[in-house]
Amino acid sequence: STTRPKRPSPYRLLQPHTFLASFAPLHVQGWRLDMITTSTQEFEDHSRGVDLQDRRLVRIYDFPPEREGWVGLSRFFTKISDIIQEENHHPGIIISPSTDYNPSSTALETPSRSQKTYILEITTYTHTPMPPKLGTENNEQGIIRPGVTGKDIRLAERFEEVF
């Protein structure tokens, strides 16, 4: 059987000015813009400014130790699970005690391992966005590459509303 290529989502990668306006409040709340790392792709130029291809949004939520923290994390996870289904956008999620946590990004500020808290890390990006318009600086050929779209911003905003 032949596998058909994934169709692009109806979400186009954001223009820099739109992204910056939407991302600023999320950045204050702890969200970071980070490179998507894969073993099959090398990133040639990390200095392209706000090029959202090959990028992701990532954030950690830190919960208190002991039972109180676990209960809080569980309640939050239940809320974001509902949002994930409503938005039909499925982020990467890591749940770990801080003593065992290995962040997926160096951009994240993590608590000390000695604090013994609970960590929930969320990563979101759109796997098959519509590419930037042809002829733009960062996409001369219209190649579909993963990156940050309005769908990722909306998911992050909704998570912050219930945190």
C-alpha atoms as a PDB file:
ATOM      1  CA  SER A   1       0.000   0.000   0.000  1.00  0.00           C
ATOM      2  CA  THR A   2       1.158   3.490  -0.805  1.00  0.00           C
ATOM      3  CA  THR A   3       1.095   6.141   1.861  1.00  0.00           C
ATOM      4  CA  ARG A   4      -0.287   9.446   0.776  1.00  0.00           C
ATOM      5  CA  PRO A   5       1.539  12.572   1.908  1.00  0.00           C
ATOM      6  CA  LYS A   6      -0.102  14.539   4.694  1.00  0.00           C
ATOM      7  CA  ARG A   7      -2.210  17.431   3.525  1.00  0.00           C
ATOM      8  CA  PRO A   8      -1.322  20.825   4.967  1.00  0.00           C
ATOM      9  CA  SER A   9      -3.504  22.004   7.812  1.00  0.00           C
ATOM     10  CA  PRO A  10      -5.622  25.071   7.085  1.00  0.00           C
ATOM     11  CA  TYR A  11      -3.263  27.064   9.290  1.00  0.00           C
ATOM     12  CA  ARG A  12      -0.531  29.146   7.727  1.00  0.00           C
ATOM     13  CA  LEU A  13       2.667  29.979   9.543  1.00  0.00           C
ATOM     14  CA  LEU A  14       2.254  33.368  11.216  1.00  0.00           C
ATOM     15  CA  GLN A  15       3.781  36.577   9.920  1.00  0.00           C
ATOM     16  CA  PRO A  16       6.434  37.972  12.305  1.00  0.00           C
ATOM     17  CA  HIS A  17       4.426  41.034  13.439  1.00  0.00           C
ATOM     18  CA  THR A  18       1.333  38.904  14.146  1.00  0.00           C
ATOM     19  CA  PHE A  19       3.386  36.339  16.035  1.00  0.00           C
ATOM     20  CA  LEU A  20       5.189  38.907  18.190  1.00  0.00           C
ATOM     21  CA  ALA A  21       1.935  40.617  19.218  1.00  0.00           C
ATOM     22  CA  SER A  22       0.309  37.293  20.133  1.00  0.00           C
ATOM     23  CA  PHE A  23       3.366  35.715  21.737  1.00  0.00           C
ATOM     24  CA  ALA A  24       4.424  38.587  24.037  1.00  0.00           C
ATOM     25  CA  PRO A  25       1.849  37.828  26.794  1.00  0.00           C
ATOM     26  CA  LEU A  26       2.605  34.102  26.531  1.00  0.00           C
ATOM     27  CA  HIS A  27       6.333  34.753  26.886  1.00  0.00           C
ATOM     28  CA  VAL A  28       5.701  36.637  30.133  1.00  0.00           C
ATOM     29  CA  GLN A  29       3.792  33.578  31.386  1.00  0.00           C
ATOM     30  CA  GLY A  30       6.713  31.240  30.655  1.00  0.00           C
ATOM     31  CA  TRP A  31       6.241  30.084  27.053  1.00  0.00           C
ATOM     32  CA  ARG A  32       9.383  29.976  24.918  1.00  0.00           C
ATOM     33  CA  LEU A  33      10.021  29.764  21.180  1.00  0.00           C
ATOM     34  CA  ASP A  34      12.461  26.959  20.479  1.00  0.00           C
ATOM     35  CA  MET A  35      13.880  25.003  17.553  1.00  0.00           C
ATOM     36  CA  ILE A  36      12.277  21.673  16.694  1.00  0.00           C
ATOM     37  CA  THR A  37      15.038  19.139  16.948  1.00  0.00           C
ATOM     38  CA  THR A  38      14.924  16.038  14.795  1.00  0.00           C
ATOM     39  CA  SER A  39      17.550  13.513  13.898  1.00  0.00           C
ATOM     40  CA  THR A  40      16.745  13.815  10.195  1.00  0.00           C
ATOM     41  CA  GLN A  41      17.072  17.550   9.799  1.00  0.00           C
ATOM     42  CA  GLU A  42      19.957  19.903  10.434  1.00  0.00           C
ATOM     43  CA  PHE A  43      19.252  23.578  10.906  1.00  0.00           C
ATOM     44  CA  GLU A  44      21.573  25.620   8.763  1.00  0.00           C
ATOM     45  CA  ASP A  45      20.741  29.100   9.961  1.00  0.00           C
ATOM     46  CA  HIS A  46      19.475  29.879  13.460  1.00  0.00           C
ATOM     47  CA  SER A  47      19.697  33.637  12.974  1.00  0.00           C
ATOM     48  CA  ARG A  48      16.751  34.239  10.652  1.00  0.00           C
ATOM     49  CA  GLY A  49      14.851  36.314  13.175  1.00  0.00           C
ATOM     50  CA  VAL A  50      11.242  35.342  13.683  1.00  0.00           C
ATOM     51  CA  ASP A  51      11.029  32.585  11.094  1.00  0.00           C
ATOM     52  CA  LEU A  52       8.461  30.216  12.544  1.00  0.00           C
ATOM     53  CA  GLN A  53       9.296  27.228  10.371  1.00  0.00           C
ATOM     54  CA  ASP A  54      11.134  24.516  12.301  1.00  0.00           C
ATOM     55  CA  ARG A  55      10.067  26.171  15.577  1.00  0.00           C
ATOM     56  CA  ARG A  56       7.835  25.155  18.460  1.00  0.00           C
ATOM     57  CA  LEU A  57       6.302  26.684  21.563  1.00  0.00           C
ATOM     58  CA  VAL A  58       7.361  25.065  24.829  1.00  0.00           C
ATOM     59  CA  ARG A  59       6.531  25.694  28.501  1.00  0.00           C
ATOM     60  CA  ILE A  60       6.858  23.977  31.841  1.00  0.00           C
ATOM     61  CA  TYR A  61       4.336  24.157  34.637  1.00  0.00           C
ATOM     62  CA  ASP A  62       5.746  23.546  38.107  1.00  0.00           C
ATOM     63  CA  PHE A  63       3.542  22.040  40.837  1.00  0.00           C
ATOM     64  CA  PRO A  64       4.245  21.764  44.591  1.00  0.00           C
ATOM     65  CA  PRO A  65       5.681  18.588  46.121  1.00  0.00           C
ATOM     66  CA  GLU A  66       3.778  15.750  47.755  1.00  0.00           C
ATOM     67  CA  ARG A  67       0.094  14.960  47.340  1.00  0.00           C
ATOM     68  CA  GLU A  68      -0.985  18.614  46.944  1.00  0.00           C
ATOM     69  CA  GLY A  69       1.159  19.047  43.839  1.00  0.00           C
ATOM     70  CA  TRP A  70       0.106  15.774  42.275  1.00  0.00           C
ATOM     71  CA  VAL A  71      -3.580  16.605  42.781  1.00  0.00           C
ATOM     72  CA  GLY A  72      -3.059  20.068  41.227  1.00  0.00           C
ATOM     73  CA  LEU A  73      -1.188  18.612  38.270  1.00  0.00           C
ATOM     74  CA  SER A  74      -3.921  15.993  37.756  1.00  0.00           C
ATOM     75  CA  ARG A  75      -6.661  18.636  37.776  1.00  0.00           C
ATOM     76  CA  PHE A  76      -4.749  20.828  35.343  1.00  0.00           C
ATOM     77  CA  PHE A  77      -4.078  17.863  33.058  1.00  0.00           C
ATOM     78  CA  THR A  78      -7.795  17.024  33.019  1.00  0.00           C
ATOM     79  CA  LYS A  79      -8.621  20.605  31.993  1.00  0.00           C
ATOM     80  CA  ILE A  80      -6.014  20.745  29.238  1.00  0.00           C
ATOM     81  CA  SER A  81      -7.096  17.311  27.973  1.00  0.00           C
ATOM     82  CA  ASP A  82     -10.551  18.745  27.326  1.00  0.00           C
ATOM     83  CA  ILE A  83      -9.032  21.763  25.554  1.00  0.00           C
ATOM     84  CA  ILE A  84      -6.818  19.508  23.429  1.00  0.00           C
ATOM     85  CA  GLN A  85      -9.868  17.589  22.230  1.00  0.00           C
ATOM     86  CA  GLU A  86     -11.910  20.765  21.612  1.00  0.00           C
ATOM     87  CA  GLU A  87      -9.093  22.334  19.595  1.00  0.00           C
ATOM     88  CA  ASN A  88      -8.199  19.038  17.873  1.00  0.00           C
ATOM     89  CA  HIS A  89      -4.531  19.914  18.295  1.00  0.00           C
ATOM     90  CA  HIS A  90      -2.348  17.472  20.184  1.00  0.00           C
ATOM     91  CA  PRO A  91       0.818  18.746  21.880  1.00  0.00           C
ATOM     92  CA  GLY A  92       3.724  16.787  23.272  1.00  0.00           C
ATOM     93  CA  ILE A  93       3.386  16.370  27.040  1.00  0.00           C
ATOM     94  CA  ILE A  94       5.943  15.231  29.616  1.00  0.00           C
ATOM     95  CA  ILE A  95       4.971  14.673  33.260  1.00  0.00           C
ATOM     96  CA  SER A  96       7.796  14.046  35.697  1.00  0.00           C
ATOM     97  CA  PRO A  97       9.032  14.610  39.226  1.00  0.00           C
ATOM     98  CA  SER A  98      11.580  17.433  39.075  1.00  0.00           C
ATOM     99  CA  THR A  99      14.248  15.051  40.393  1.00  0.00           C
ATOM    100  CA  ASP A 100      13.957  12.972  37.185  1.00  0.00           C
ATOM    101  CA  TYR A 101      13.090  15.744  34.728  1.00  0.00           C
ATOM    102  CA  ASN A 102      15.247  16.344  31.662  1.00  0.00           C
ATOM    103  CA  PRO A 103      13.967  19.433  29.833  1.00  0.00           C
ATOM    104  CA  SER A 104      13.507  19.114  26.088  1.00  0.00           C
ATOM    105  CA  SER A 105      14.816  22.660  25.637  1.00  0.00           C
ATOM    106  CA  THR A 106      17.642  24.738  27.043  1.00  0.00           C
ATOM    107  CA  ALA A 107      15.306  27.749  26.760  1.00  0.00           C
ATOM    108  CA  LEU A 108      13.275  26.560  29.757  1.00  0.00           C
ATOM    109  CA  GLU A 109      13.874  27.783  33.283  1.00  0.00           C
ATOM    110  CA  THR A 110      13.654  24.673  35.412  1.00  0.00           C
ATOM    111  CA  PRO A 111      13.393  24.351  39.173  1.00  0.00           C
ATOM    112  CA  SER A 112      16.288  22.905  41.102  1.00  0.00           C
ATOM    113  CA  ARG A 113      16.282  19.108  41.221  1.00  0.00           C
ATOM    114  CA  SER A 114      16.469  19.353  45.008  1.00  0.00           C
ATOM    115  CA  GLN A 115      13.051  21.081  45.191  1.00  0.00           C
ATOM    116  CA  LYS A 116      11.184  17.796  44.528  1.00  0.00           C
ATOM    117  CA  THR A 117       8.240  19.328  42.694  1.00  0.00           C
ATOM    118  CA  TYR A 118       6.172  17.942  39.811  1.00  0.00           C
ATOM    119  CA  ILE A 119       6.760  19.165  36.270  1.00  0.00           C
ATOM    120  CA  LEU A 120       4.401  19.190  33.297  1.00  0.00           C
ATOM    121  CA  GLU A 121       6.124  20.216  30.045  1.00  0.00           C
ATOM    122  CA  ILE A 122       4.107  21.066  26.947  1.00  0.00           C
ATOM    123  CA  THR A 123       5.426  21.384  23.403  1.00  0.00           C
ATOM    124  CA  THR A 124       3.222  22.499  20.527  1.00  0.00           C
ATOM    125  CA  TYR A 125       3.726  23.095  16.830  1.00  0.00           C
ATOM    126  CA  THR A 126       1.812  22.360  13.649  1.00  0.00           C
ATOM    127  CA  HIS A 127       3.256  19.368  11.804  1.00  0.00           C
ATOM    128  CA  THR A 128       1.981  20.268   8.322  1.00  0.00           C
ATOM    129  CA  PRO A 129       1.142  23.983   8.190  1.00  0.00           C
ATOM    130  CA  MET A 130       0.483  25.849   5.010  1.00  0.00           C
ATOM    131  CA  PRO A 131       3.884  27.187   3.993  1.00  0.00           C
ATOM    132  CA  PRO A 132       4.609  30.898   3.916  1.00  0.00           C
ATOM    133  CA  LYS A 133       3.527  32.514   0.677  1.00  0.00           C
ATOM    134  CA  LEU A 134       5.836  31.792  -2.240  1.00  0.00           C
ATOM    135  CA  GLY A 135       8.537  34.344  -2.770  1.00  0.00           C
ATOM    136  CA  THR A 136       8.860  35.230   0.895  1.00  0.00           C
ATOM    137  CA  GLU A 137      12.361  35.466   2.285  1.00  0.00           C
ATOM    138  CA  ASN A 138      12.171  32.195   4.201  1.00  0.00           C
ATOM    139  CA  ASN A 139      10.332  29.988   1.739  1.00  0.00           C
ATOM    140  CA  GLU A 140      11.344  30.442  -1.865  1.00  0.00           C
ATOM    141  CA  GLN A 141      10.058  26.987  -2.864  1.00  0.00           C
ATOM    142  CA  GLY A 142       6.877  26.653  -0.793  1.00  0.00           C
ATOM    143  CA  ILE A 143       8.185  23.625   1.110  1.00  0.00           C
ATOM    144  CA  ILE A 144       5.967  22.368   3.935  1.00  0.00           C
ATOM    145  CA  ARG A 145       7.937  22.268   7.173  1.00  0.00           C
ATOM    146  CA  PRO A 146       6.556  22.144  10.715  1.00  0.00           C
ATOM    147  CA  GLY A 147       6.285  25.353  12.677  1.00  0.00           C
ATOM    148  CA  VAL A 148       4.203  27.697  14.812  1.00  0.00           C
ATOM    149  CA  THR A 149       0.739  28.700  13.600  1.00  0.00           C
ATOM    150  CA  GLY A 150      -2.239  30.488  15.101  1.00  0.00           C
ATOM    151  CA  LYS A 151      -3.484  27.096  16.264  1.00  0.00           C
ATOM    152  CA  ASP A 152      -0.437  26.741  18.544  1.00  0.00           C
ATOM    153  CA  ILE A 153      -0.868  30.255  19.933  1.00  0.00           C
ATOM    154  CA  ARG A 154      -4.548  29.581  20.652  1.00  0.00           C
ATOM    155  CA  LEU A 155      -3.754  26.309  22.421  1.00  0.00           C
ATOM    156  CA  ALA A 156      -1.165  28.026  24.635  1.00  0.00           C
ATOM    157  CA  GLU A 157      -3.576  30.876  25.434  1.00  0.00           C
ATOM    158  CA  ARG A 158      -6.309  28.433  26.423  1.00  0.00           C
ATOM    159  CA  PHE A 159      -3.913  26.495  28.668  1.00  0.00           C
ATOM    160  CA  GLU A 160      -2.993  29.736  30.437  1.00  0.00           C
ATOM    161  CA  GLU A 161      -6.676  30.545  30.990  1.00  0.00           C
ATOM    162  CA  VAL A 162      -7.160  27.349  33.026  1.00  0.00           C
ATOM    163  CA  PHE A 163      -3.822  27.320  34.873  1.00  0.00           C
END
